[in-house]
């Protein structure tokens, strides 16, 4: 016989599924007699082994949820950091991708409605599409959405990292430097754009809007932007990409155009995902401490879950330029 379900409990107790849900989660609207009947069936059928019943008994599930739009390299590294930080603690980890149901905007709200209050005690949202999200459990956001948010957040120094990357290219002698931006609704993308512009301004170089494309942090979209930049007769001699997936797409397009990297085109990314060092040539990139971002979010979230206040509701971690084989002085 399989494990008892909430429907089994409802049938045996002679109540609706919603009544069972309210009973096991300690919500209002269930009489004492009904609650006793539901709980008797829960124990008789062994439903107490489920996470939902456990949450009723202890008012908690012992599970931290991490909501991601997709399991791509950045979010995977975040998850590694979360998992490491939870090692030895009394929490399990639930990684959940809830954006692949048509329109991806607001996927966090749909996911939270499914998970909070029943399966998880707290949640970490990675690159959210919303400024704020209402939940029955504490929330921390990594790489937050732009706008006035009340959520505690963790992010990297995107502005400083981007400025350092572009300044490095300028130091090599590049003056026509393209840029493929990230998701325009995220603070990280806005900050990297500002860092790109700041480095050019500091060097007395104009910002050429025609050399700026949008990749939205997605490889396929970045590829289209790279094709547009490298098809120009006055193509840039270097391109800075807002993330490594976009930088790798640039390198693929350059190879298809017969361009040598870094001889004909220098490329710099942002993130330092594992694929960056494994590419050929190995990618020069800005390393953001992705696993540390995950660990920092865990520290903030568990503090909130204990009912304590955060000393700082926002944390920004430093970045570092990692020079490899995709950058060189421009050919004269």
Protein backbone atom coordinates (compact mmCIF):
# COMPACT_ATOMS: atom_id res chain seq x y z
CA UNK A 1 0.00 0.00 0.00
CA UNK A 2 1.32 3.44 -0.94
CA UNK A 3 1.77 6.33 1.45
CA UNK A 4 -1.49 7.94 2.55
CA UNK A 5 -2.45 11.13 0.77
CA UNK A 6 -4.46 14.14 1.86
CA UNK A 7 -7.35 12.77 -0.23
CA UNK A 8 -7.24 9.49 1.72
CA UNK A 9 -7.47 11.42 4.97
CA UNK A 10 -10.38 13.52 3.69
CA UNK A 11 -12.36 10.45 2.61
CA UNK A 12 -11.75 8.57 5.85
CA UNK A 13 -12.63 11.57 8.01
CA UNK A 14 -15.65 12.51 5.92
CA UNK A 15 -14.44 16.08 5.31
CA UNK A 16 -13.11 18.09 2.40
CA UNK A 17 -9.47 18.24 1.37
CA UNK A 18 -9.38 21.93 2.28
CA UNK A 19 -10.59 21.08 5.80
CA UNK A 20 -7.78 18.53 6.17
CA UNK A 21 -5.29 21.13 4.96
CA UNK A 22 -6.54 23.66 7.52
CA UNK A 23 -6.47 21.08 10.29
CA UNK A 24 -2.94 19.80 9.73
CA UNK A 25 -1.57 23.31 9.27
CA UNK A 26 -3.25 24.73 12.38
CA UNK A 27 -5.33 27.30 10.51
CA UNK A 28 -8.61 28.85 11.58
CA UNK A 29 -12.02 27.58 10.55
CA UNK A 30 -11.97 24.00 11.90
CA UNK A 31 -14.05 23.00 14.90
CA UNK A 32 -12.50 21.10 17.76
CA UNK A 33 -14.48 17.95 17.01
CA UNK A 34 -13.50 18.01 13.35
CA UNK A 35 -9.87 18.64 14.21
CA UNK A 36 -9.86 15.64 16.57
CA UNK A 37 -11.44 13.42 13.90
CA UNK A 38 -8.98 14.51 11.22
CA UNK A 39 -6.02 14.02 13.52
CA UNK A 40 -7.19 10.56 14.50
CA UNK A 41 -7.35 9.57 10.81
CA UNK A 42 -3.96 11.19 10.16
CA UNK A 43 -2.36 8.92 12.75
CA UNK A 44 -4.34 5.83 11.75
CA UNK A 45 -3.33 6.13 8.09
CA UNK A 46 0.28 7.05 8.82
CA UNK A 47 -0.11 10.44 7.24
CA UNK A 48 2.00 11.88 10.03
CA UNK A 49 5.12 10.86 8.09
CA UNK A 50 4.45 13.56 5.51
CA UNK A 51 6.01 16.97 5.69
CA UNK A 52 2.60 18.56 6.05
CA UNK A 53 1.71 16.51 9.12
CA UNK A 54 5.17 17.12 10.56
CA UNK A 55 4.63 20.86 10.18
CA UNK A 56 1.41 20.50 12.18
CA UNK A 57 3.11 18.64 15.03
CA UNK A 58 6.09 20.93 15.38
CA UNK A 59 4.74 24.14 13.75
CA UNK A 60 7.64 23.81 11.33
CA UNK A 61 8.86 21.54 8.55
CA UNK A 62 12.62 21.86 8.96
CA UNK A 63 12.89 22.65 5.25
CA UNK A 64 14.36 25.72 3.54
CA UNK A 65 13.20 26.33 0.00
CA UNK A 66 15.30 27.86 -2.76
CA UNK A 67 13.24 29.19 -5.66
CA UNK A 68 15.04 29.56 -8.99
CA UNK A 69 13.81 30.46 -12.46
CA UNK A 70 15.90 27.68 -13.97
CA UNK A 71 18.72 25.33 -13.01
CA UNK A 72 21.47 27.12 -14.95
CA UNK A 73 25.11 27.57 -13.85
CA UNK A 74 24.57 30.66 -11.68
CA UNK A 75 21.67 29.22 -9.69
CA UNK A 76 23.44 25.86 -9.43
CA UNK A 77 26.44 27.52 -7.77
CA UNK A 78 24.07 29.38 -5.42
CA UNK A 79 22.49 26.05 -4.47
CA UNK A 80 25.92 24.59 -3.70
CA UNK A 81 26.57 27.46 -1.30
CA UNK A 82 23.19 27.03 0.36
CA UNK A 83 23.73 23.28 0.74
CA UNK A 84 27.18 23.74 2.25
CA UNK A 85 25.91 26.37 4.70
CA UNK A 86 23.10 24.04 5.82
CA UNK A 87 25.48 21.13 6.46
CA UNK A 88 25.24 20.11 10.09
CA UNK A 89 22.15 22.24 10.69
CA UNK A 90 18.68 20.88 11.33
CA UNK A 91 17.31 21.98 7.97
CA UNK A 92 16.73 20.13 4.72
CA UNK A 93 16.94 21.85 1.35
CA UNK A 94 14.19 21.97 -1.26
CA UNK A 95 15.22 23.43 -4.65
CA UNK A 96 12.21 24.43 -6.72
CA UNK A 97 11.96 25.82 -10.25
CA UNK A 98 8.52 27.26 -10.86
CA UNK A 99 8.94 29.50 -13.90
CA UNK A 100 8.38 27.07 -16.76
CA UNK A 101 4.61 27.45 -16.94
CA UNK A 102 4.11 29.94 -19.76
CA UNK A 103 4.80 33.53 -18.71
CA UNK A 104 7.79 33.61 -16.36
CA UNK A 105 6.88 36.95 -14.74
CA UNK A 106 5.79 36.55 -11.14
CA UNK A 107 6.76 32.88 -10.94
CA UNK A 108 7.80 33.39 -7.33
CA UNK A 109 4.25 34.21 -6.24
CA UNK A 110 2.93 31.02 -7.81
CA UNK A 111 5.68 28.98 -6.22
CA UNK A 112 5.21 30.56 -2.80
CA UNK A 113 1.49 29.87 -2.88
CA UNK A 114 2.28 26.18 -3.40
CA UNK A 115 5.06 25.85 -0.86
CA UNK A 116 4.87 28.36 1.97
CA UNK A 117 3.02 27.36 5.09
CA UNK A 118 3.02 23.66 4.19
CA UNK A 119 6.40 22.50 2.88
CA UNK A 120 8.96 25.14 3.87
CA UNK A 121 9.85 27.28 6.89
CA UNK A 122 11.72 29.92 4.90
CA UNK A 123 12.65 30.70 1.31
CA UNK A 124 15.55 32.09 -0.70
CA UNK A 125 14.56 33.57 -4.07
CA UNK A 126 17.28 33.73 -6.75
CA UNK A 127 17.06 36.53 -9.36
CA UNK A 128 13.38 37.22 -8.69
CA UNK A 129 11.03 38.90 -11.17
CA UNK A 130 9.19 40.79 -8.43
CA UNK A 131 10.16 43.59 -6.07
CA UNK A 132 8.32 42.07 -3.13
CA UNK A 133 6.50 38.82 -2.49
CA UNK A 134 3.92 38.01 0.17
CA UNK A 135 4.53 34.79 2.06
CA UNK A 136 3.70 33.10 5.34
CA UNK A 137 7.42 32.41 5.83
CA UNK A 138 10.56 34.61 5.91
CA UNK A 139 12.15 35.46 2.53
CA UNK A 140 15.64 36.52 1.43
CA UNK A 141 16.38 37.50 -2.19
CA UNK A 142 19.68 36.91 -4.02
CA UNK A 143 20.46 39.24 -6.96
CA UNK A 144 17.27 41.19 -6.32
CA UNK A 145 14.84 42.87 -8.66
CA UNK A 146 15.22 46.61 -9.08
CA UNK A 147 12.89 48.94 -7.22
CA UNK A 148 12.07 49.78 -3.59
CA UNK A 149 11.96 46.34 -1.96
CA UNK A 150 11.37 45.48 1.67
CA UNK A 151 12.93 42.03 1.31
CA UNK A 152 16.33 41.33 2.85
CA UNK A 153 18.78 40.93 -0.03
CA UNK A 154 22.24 39.61 -0.90
CA UNK A 155 24.16 40.60 -4.01
CA UNK A 156 27.64 41.08 -5.45
CA UNK A 157 29.39 44.36 -6.24
CA UNK A 158 28.20 44.38 -9.84
CA UNK A 159 29.11 48.02 -10.42
CA UNK A 160 32.69 47.65 -9.18
CA UNK A 161 33.21 44.37 -11.00
CA UNK A 162 31.99 45.72 -14.32
CA UNK A 163 34.04 48.89 -14.01
CA UNK A 164 37.16 46.85 -13.25
CA UNK A 165 36.56 44.59 -16.26
CA UNK A 166 36.09 47.43 -18.72
CA UNK A 167 38.99 49.41 -17.24
CA UNK A 168 41.17 46.34 -17.80
CA UNK A 169 40.15 46.21 -21.47
CA UNK A 170 40.88 49.91 -21.83
CA UNK A 171 44.27 49.36 -20.21
CA UNK A 172 45.03 46.79 -22.91
CA UNK A 173 44.39 49.47 -25.53
CA UNK A 174 40.78 48.79 -26.55
CA UNK A 175 38.64 51.84 -27.31
CA UNK A 176 35.68 50.22 -29.14
CA UNK A 177 34.26 48.03 -26.40
CA UNK A 178 30.87 46.44 -26.86
CA UNK A 179 28.58 45.43 -24.04
CA UNK A 180 25.88 42.74 -23.84
CA UNK A 181 23.66 43.59 -20.90
CA UNK A 182 21.65 41.33 -18.61
CA UNK A 183 18.05 41.40 -17.42
CA UNK A 184 17.02 45.07 -17.25
CA UNK A 185 14.72 44.44 -14.27
CA UNK A 186 17.54 43.28 -11.98
CA UNK A 187 19.74 45.55 -9.87
CA UNK A 188 22.80 43.57 -10.96
CA UNK A 189 22.22 44.35 -14.62
CA UNK A 190 21.63 48.04 -13.99
CA UNK A 191 24.78 48.21 -11.86
CA UNK A 192 26.90 46.42 -14.48
CA UNK A 193 25.65 48.78 -17.13
CA UNK A 194 26.61 51.71 -14.90
CA UNK A 195 30.05 50.18 -14.28
CA UNK A 196 30.63 49.80 -18.02
CA UNK A 197 29.72 53.43 -18.62
CA UNK A 198 31.75 54.66 -15.65
CA UNK A 199 34.93 52.98 -16.87
CA UNK A 200 34.54 54.52 -20.33
CA UNK A 201 33.86 57.94 -18.82
CA UNK A 202 36.87 57.68 -16.51
CA UNK A 203 39.04 57.02 -19.58
CA UNK A 204 37.51 59.90 -21.55
CA UNK A 205 35.84 57.52 -24.01
CA UNK A 206 32.33 58.16 -25.36
CA UNK A 207 29.50 55.66 -24.78
CA UNK A 208 28.36 54.39 -28.18
CA UNK A 209 24.80 53.11 -27.72
CA UNK A 210 25.05 51.12 -30.94
CA UNK A 211 27.69 48.93 -29.27
CA UNK A 212 25.30 47.91 -26.47
CA UNK A 213 23.05 44.88 -26.86
CA UNK A 214 20.74 43.08 -24.44
CA UNK A 215 21.27 39.42 -23.64
CA UNK A 216 18.99 39.16 -20.55
CA UNK A 217 21.53 36.72 -19.02
CA UNK A 218 20.28 34.09 -21.51
CA UNK A 219 22.65 32.39 -23.95
CA UNK A 220 20.30 32.33 -26.96
CA UNK A 221 19.32 35.98 -26.65
CA UNK A 222 22.95 37.00 -26.06
CA UNK A 223 23.89 35.10 -29.20
CA UNK A 224 21.55 37.30 -31.27
CA UNK A 225 23.12 40.42 -29.77
CA UNK A 226 26.61 39.08 -30.51
CA UNK A 227 25.70 38.41 -34.15
CA UNK A 228 24.52 42.02 -34.49
CA UNK A 229 27.74 43.42 -32.99
CA UNK A 230 30.13 41.20 -34.90
CA UNK A 231 28.33 41.69 -38.23
CA UNK A 232 29.22 45.39 -38.23
CA UNK A 233 31.98 46.58 -40.54
CA UNK A 234 33.24 48.63 -37.59
CA UNK A 235 32.81 45.82 -35.09
CA UNK A 236 34.20 46.27 -31.56
CA UNK A 237 37.64 44.90 -30.72
CA UNK A 238 36.40 43.78 -27.30
CA UNK A 239 33.07 42.87 -25.71
CA UNK A 240 32.16 42.79 -22.05
CA UNK A 241 29.23 40.50 -21.23
CA UNK A 242 27.03 40.82 -18.14
CA UNK A 243 27.36 37.09 -17.43
CA UNK A 244 29.49 34.14 -18.49
CA UNK A 245 26.77 32.39 -20.49
CA UNK A 246 26.54 35.49 -22.68
CA UNK A 247 30.33 35.66 -22.98
CA UNK A 248 30.47 32.02 -24.07
CA UNK A 249 27.80 32.76 -26.69
CA UNK A 250 29.96 35.64 -27.99
CA UNK A 251 32.91 33.27 -28.34
CA UNK A 252 30.79 30.79 -30.31
CA UNK A 253 29.61 33.50 -32.69
CA UNK A 254 33.16 34.82 -33.09
CA UNK A 255 34.34 31.35 -34.11
CA UNK A 256 31.53 31.07 -36.67
CA UNK A 257 32.58 34.45 -38.11
CA UNK A 258 36.18 33.23 -38.40
CA UNK A 259 37.40 35.61 -35.71
CA UNK A 260 40.20 34.64 -33.37
CA UNK A 261 39.71 35.13 -29.64
CA UNK A 262 41.63 37.02 -28.34
CA UNK A 263 43.57 38.02 -31.47
CA UNK A 264 40.62 39.62 -33.27
CA UNK A 265 38.26 39.99 -30.33
CA UNK A 266 38.76 40.14 -26.58
CA UNK A 267 35.91 38.83 -24.42
CA UNK A 268 35.24 39.29 -20.71
CA UNK A 269 32.36 37.73 -18.78
CA UNK A 270 30.90 38.03 -15.31
CA UNK A 271 30.25 35.27 -12.71
CA UNK A 272 33.12 32.77 -13.11
CA UNK A 273 30.86 29.73 -13.42
CA UNK A 274 32.76 26.43 -13.82
CA UNK A 275 32.30 26.56 -17.61
CA UNK A 276 34.37 29.77 -17.75
CA UNK A 277 37.66 28.08 -16.86
CA UNK A 278 36.79 25.02 -18.95
CA UNK A 279 36.12 26.90 -22.21
CA UNK A 280 38.71 27.14 -24.95
CA UNK A 281 40.26 29.58 -24.71
CA UNK A 282 39.62 29.94 -20.99
CA UNK A 283 37.39 32.93 -20.29
CA UNK A 284 38.57 36.10 -18.59
CA UNK A 285 35.77 37.04 -16.21
CA UNK A 286 34.70 38.86 -13.09
CA UNK A 287 34.38 36.37 -10.27
CA UNK A 288 31.42 36.92 -8.01
CA UNK A 289 31.32 34.69 -4.92
CA UNK A 290 28.21 32.74 -5.93
CA UNK A 291 28.49 30.08 -3.25
CA UNK A 292 29.16 32.74 -0.63
CA UNK A 293 26.00 34.52 -1.80
CA UNK A 294 24.06 31.36 -1.06
CA UNK A 295 25.71 30.94 2.32
CA UNK A 296 25.09 34.58 3.27
CA UNK A 297 21.43 34.21 2.36
CA UNK A 298 21.17 31.14 4.59
CA UNK A 299 22.64 33.07 7.51
CA UNK A 300 20.14 35.89 7.08
CA UNK A 301 17.20 33.55 6.57
CA UNK A 302 17.87 31.34 9.58
CA UNK A 303 18.16 34.47 11.74
CA UNK A 304 14.71 35.55 10.58
CA UNK A 305 13.33 32.05 11.08
CA UNK A 306 14.45 32.21 14.73
CA UNK A 307 12.34 35.34 15.10
CA UNK A 308 15.37 37.59 15.42
CA UNK A 309 16.05 40.90 13.66
CA UNK A 310 18.80 41.33 11.08
CA UNK A 311 21.63 43.72 11.90
CA UNK A 312 21.86 44.49 8.19
CA UNK A 313 19.03 43.77 5.74
CA UNK A 314 21.27 44.10 2.70
CA UNK A 315 24.66 42.55 2.01
CA UNK A 316 26.96 43.26 -0.93
CA UNK A 317 29.94 40.96 -1.47
CA UNK A 318 33.12 41.96 -3.36
CA UNK A 319 34.08 40.70 -6.82
CA UNK A 320 37.47 40.04 -8.44
CA UNK A 321 38.71 40.11 -12.03
CA UNK A 322 40.15 36.75 -13.14
CA UNK A 323 42.35 37.16 -16.21
CA UNK A 324 42.64 34.15 -18.50
CA UNK A 325 43.11 33.62 -22.22
CA UNK A 326 40.28 35.54 -23.92
CA UNK A 327 41.82 39.01 -23.59
CA UNK A 328 44.81 40.61 -25.32
CA UNK A 329 45.94 43.92 -26.77
CA UNK A 330 44.06 44.84 -29.96
CA UNK A 331 45.76 44.25 -33.28
CA UNK A 332 46.97 47.45 -34.89
